[in-house]
Amino acid sequence: MSFEHDFPDAQVIVLEQNYRSTKNILETASNIISVNEKRKPVQLWTENRVGEKVNNCRRLTTKQEEAQYVLREIEQLVARGKSITVI
């Protein structure tokens, strides 16, 4: 958080454009990270489509918990006959 103070001659380049996610995903991400008071302000944006609304958001505390949750969700979708594409 003190990079500019520690390195006053450095040029800071903020990477705000996202090339993969939809606008709805970026809006959800921005809303989630906006409550973090220890962050640099950033305005995420994309030229991609709006996309589907985010309707399943969970607070998970570890990457293992996140991986288990994603696996369960995929298993449930497959069990219901949904086709899954991983990119």
C-alpha atoms as a PDB file:
ATOM      1  CA  MET A   1       0.000   0.000   0.000  1.00  0.00           C
ATOM      2  CA  SER A   2       2.969   2.305   0.382  1.00  0.00           C
ATOM      3  CA  PHE A   3       4.591   1.573  -2.990  1.00  0.00           C
ATOM      4  CA  GLU A   4       4.270   5.132  -4.324  1.00  0.00           C
ATOM      5  CA  HIS A   5       5.639   6.503  -1.072  1.00  0.00           C
ATOM      6  CA  ASP A   6       8.545   4.036  -0.997  1.00  0.00           C
ATOM      7  CA  PHE A   7       9.351   4.490  -4.698  1.00  0.00           C
ATOM      8  CA  PRO A   8       8.331   8.049  -5.632  1.00  0.00           C
ATOM      9  CA  ASP A   9      10.031   7.909  -9.050  1.00  0.00           C
ATOM     10  CA  ALA A  10       8.263   4.703 -10.131  1.00  0.00           C
ATOM     11  CA  GLN A  11       5.486   4.812 -12.709  1.00  0.00           C
ATOM     12  CA  VAL A  12       2.335   3.033 -11.538  1.00  0.00           C
ATOM     13  CA  ILE A  13       0.291   1.361 -14.259  1.00  0.00           C
ATOM     14  CA  VAL A  14      -3.183   0.319 -13.154  1.00  0.00           C
ATOM     15  CA  LEU A  15      -4.560  -2.690 -15.012  1.00  0.00           C
ATOM     16  CA  GLU A  16      -8.304  -2.103 -15.059  1.00  0.00           C
ATOM     17  CA  GLN A  17      -9.429  -3.610 -18.358  1.00  0.00           C
ATOM     18  CA  ASN A  18     -10.470  -7.247 -18.192  1.00  0.00           C
ATOM     19  CA  TYR A  19     -10.477  -9.303 -21.391  1.00  0.00           C
ATOM     20  CA  ARG A  20     -12.137 -12.507 -20.171  1.00  0.00           C
ATOM     21  CA  SER A  21     -14.996 -11.718 -17.793  1.00  0.00           C
ATOM     22  CA  THR A  22     -18.447 -10.336 -18.538  1.00  0.00           C
ATOM     23  CA  LYS A  23     -19.635  -6.963 -17.309  1.00  0.00           C
ATOM     24  CA  ASN A  24     -21.883  -8.547 -14.670  1.00  0.00           C
ATOM     25  CA  ILE A  25     -19.000 -10.577 -13.238  1.00  0.00           C
ATOM     26  CA  LEU A  26     -16.790  -7.481 -13.030  1.00  0.00           C
ATOM     27  CA  GLU A  27     -19.576  -5.481 -11.398  1.00  0.00           C
ATOM     28  CA  THR A  28     -20.015  -8.202  -8.780  1.00  0.00           C
ATOM     29  CA  ALA A  29     -16.254  -8.368  -8.187  1.00  0.00           C
ATOM     30  CA  SER A  30     -16.062  -4.583  -7.830  1.00  0.00           C
ATOM     31  CA  ASN A  31     -18.892  -4.595  -5.295  1.00  0.00           C
ATOM     32  CA  ILE A  32     -17.170  -7.303  -3.258  1.00  0.00           C
ATOM     33  CA  ILE A  33     -13.715  -5.714  -3.202  1.00  0.00           C
ATOM     34  CA  SER A  34     -15.051  -2.193  -2.601  1.00  0.00           C
ATOM     35  CA  VAL A  35     -15.594  -2.981   1.093  1.00  0.00           C
ATOM     36  CA  ASN A  36     -11.875  -3.674   1.539  1.00  0.00           C
ATOM     37  CA  GLU A  37     -10.513  -0.467   3.046  1.00  0.00           C
ATOM     38  CA  LYS A  38      -6.905  -1.589   2.513  1.00  0.00           C
ATOM     39  CA  ARG A  39      -6.937  -1.531  -1.266  1.00  0.00           C
ATOM     40  CA  LYS A  40      -6.058   0.823  -4.038  1.00  0.00           C
ATOM     41  CA  PRO A  41      -9.106   2.182  -5.860  1.00  0.00           C
ATOM     42  CA  VAL A  42      -9.656   0.522  -9.222  1.00  0.00           C
ATOM     43  CA  GLN A  43     -12.456   0.672 -11.780  1.00  0.00           C
ATOM     44  CA  LEU A  44     -12.666  -2.689 -13.531  1.00  0.00           C
ATOM     45  CA  TRP A  45     -14.135  -2.639 -17.040  1.00  0.00           C
ATOM     46  CA  THR A  46     -14.494  -4.755 -20.138  1.00  0.00           C
ATOM     47  CA  GLU A  47     -15.658  -4.464 -23.710  1.00  0.00           C
ATOM     48  CA  ASN A  48     -17.243  -7.920 -23.359  1.00  0.00           C
ATOM     49  CA  ARG A  49     -20.969  -8.573 -23.265  1.00  0.00           C
ATOM     50  CA  VAL A  50     -23.102  -7.973 -20.170  1.00  0.00           C
ATOM     51  CA  GLY A  51     -23.500 -11.697 -19.492  1.00  0.00           C
ATOM     52  CA  GLU A  52     -25.753 -13.503 -17.085  1.00  0.00           C
ATOM     53  CA  LYS A  53     -26.475 -12.025 -13.665  1.00  0.00           C
ATOM     54  CA  VAL A  54     -24.403 -13.438 -10.832  1.00  0.00           C
ATOM     55  CA  ASN A  55     -26.793 -15.348  -8.587  1.00  0.00           C
ATOM     56  CA  ASN A  56     -24.565 -17.599  -6.548  1.00  0.00           C
ATOM     57  CA  CYS A  57     -21.972 -15.796  -4.457  1.00  0.00           C
ATOM     58  CA  ARG A  58     -20.384 -17.387  -1.384  1.00  0.00           C
ATOM     59  CA  ARG A  59     -17.841 -16.250   1.179  1.00  0.00           C
ATOM     60  CA  LEU A  60     -15.159 -18.931   1.427  1.00  0.00           C
ATOM     61  CA  THR A  61     -12.105 -18.593   3.617  1.00  0.00           C
ATOM     62  CA  THR A  62      -9.507 -20.871   2.044  1.00  0.00           C
ATOM     63  CA  LYS A  63      -8.591 -21.960  -1.460  1.00  0.00           C
ATOM     64  CA  GLN A  64      -9.289 -25.563  -0.424  1.00  0.00           C
ATOM     65  CA  GLU A  65     -12.797 -24.608   0.679  1.00  0.00           C
ATOM     66  CA  GLU A  66     -13.275 -22.767  -2.619  1.00  0.00           C
ATOM     67  CA  ALA A  67     -12.076 -25.761  -4.649  1.00  0.00           C
ATOM     68  CA  GLN A  68     -14.406 -28.126  -2.753  1.00  0.00           C
ATOM     69  CA  TYR A  69     -17.348 -25.783  -3.301  1.00  0.00           C
ATOM     70  CA  VAL A  70     -16.659 -25.482  -7.041  1.00  0.00           C
ATOM     71  CA  LEU A  71     -16.311 -29.266  -7.336  1.00  0.00           C
ATOM     72  CA  ARG A  72     -19.664 -29.834  -5.581  1.00  0.00           C
ATOM     73  CA  GLU A  73     -21.371 -27.297  -7.849  1.00  0.00           C
ATOM     74  CA  ILE A  74     -19.947 -28.969 -10.972  1.00  0.00           C
ATOM     75  CA  GLU A  75     -20.974 -32.413  -9.729  1.00  0.00           C
ATOM     76  CA  GLN A  76     -24.532 -31.187  -9.123  1.00  0.00           C
ATOM     77  CA  LEU A  77     -24.747 -29.635 -12.586  1.00  0.00           C
ATOM     78  CA  VAL A  78     -23.458 -32.806 -14.248  1.00  0.00           C
ATOM     79  CA  ALA A  79     -25.891 -34.909 -12.218  1.00  0.00           C
ATOM     80  CA  ARG A  80     -28.708 -32.745 -13.615  1.00  0.00           C
ATOM     81  CA  GLY A  81     -27.477 -33.384 -17.161  1.00  0.00           C
ATOM     82  CA  LYS A  82     -25.802 -30.042 -17.749  1.00  0.00           C
ATOM     83  CA  SER A  83     -22.829 -29.803 -20.088  1.00  0.00           C
ATOM     84  CA  ILE A  84     -19.735 -28.282 -18.490  1.00  0.00           C
ATOM     85  CA  THR A  85     -17.021 -26.434 -20.403  1.00  0.00           C
ATOM     86  CA  VAL A  86     -13.836 -25.497 -18.583  1.00  0.00           C
ATOM     87  CA  ILE A  87     -11.721 -22.707 -20.031  1.00  0.00           C
END
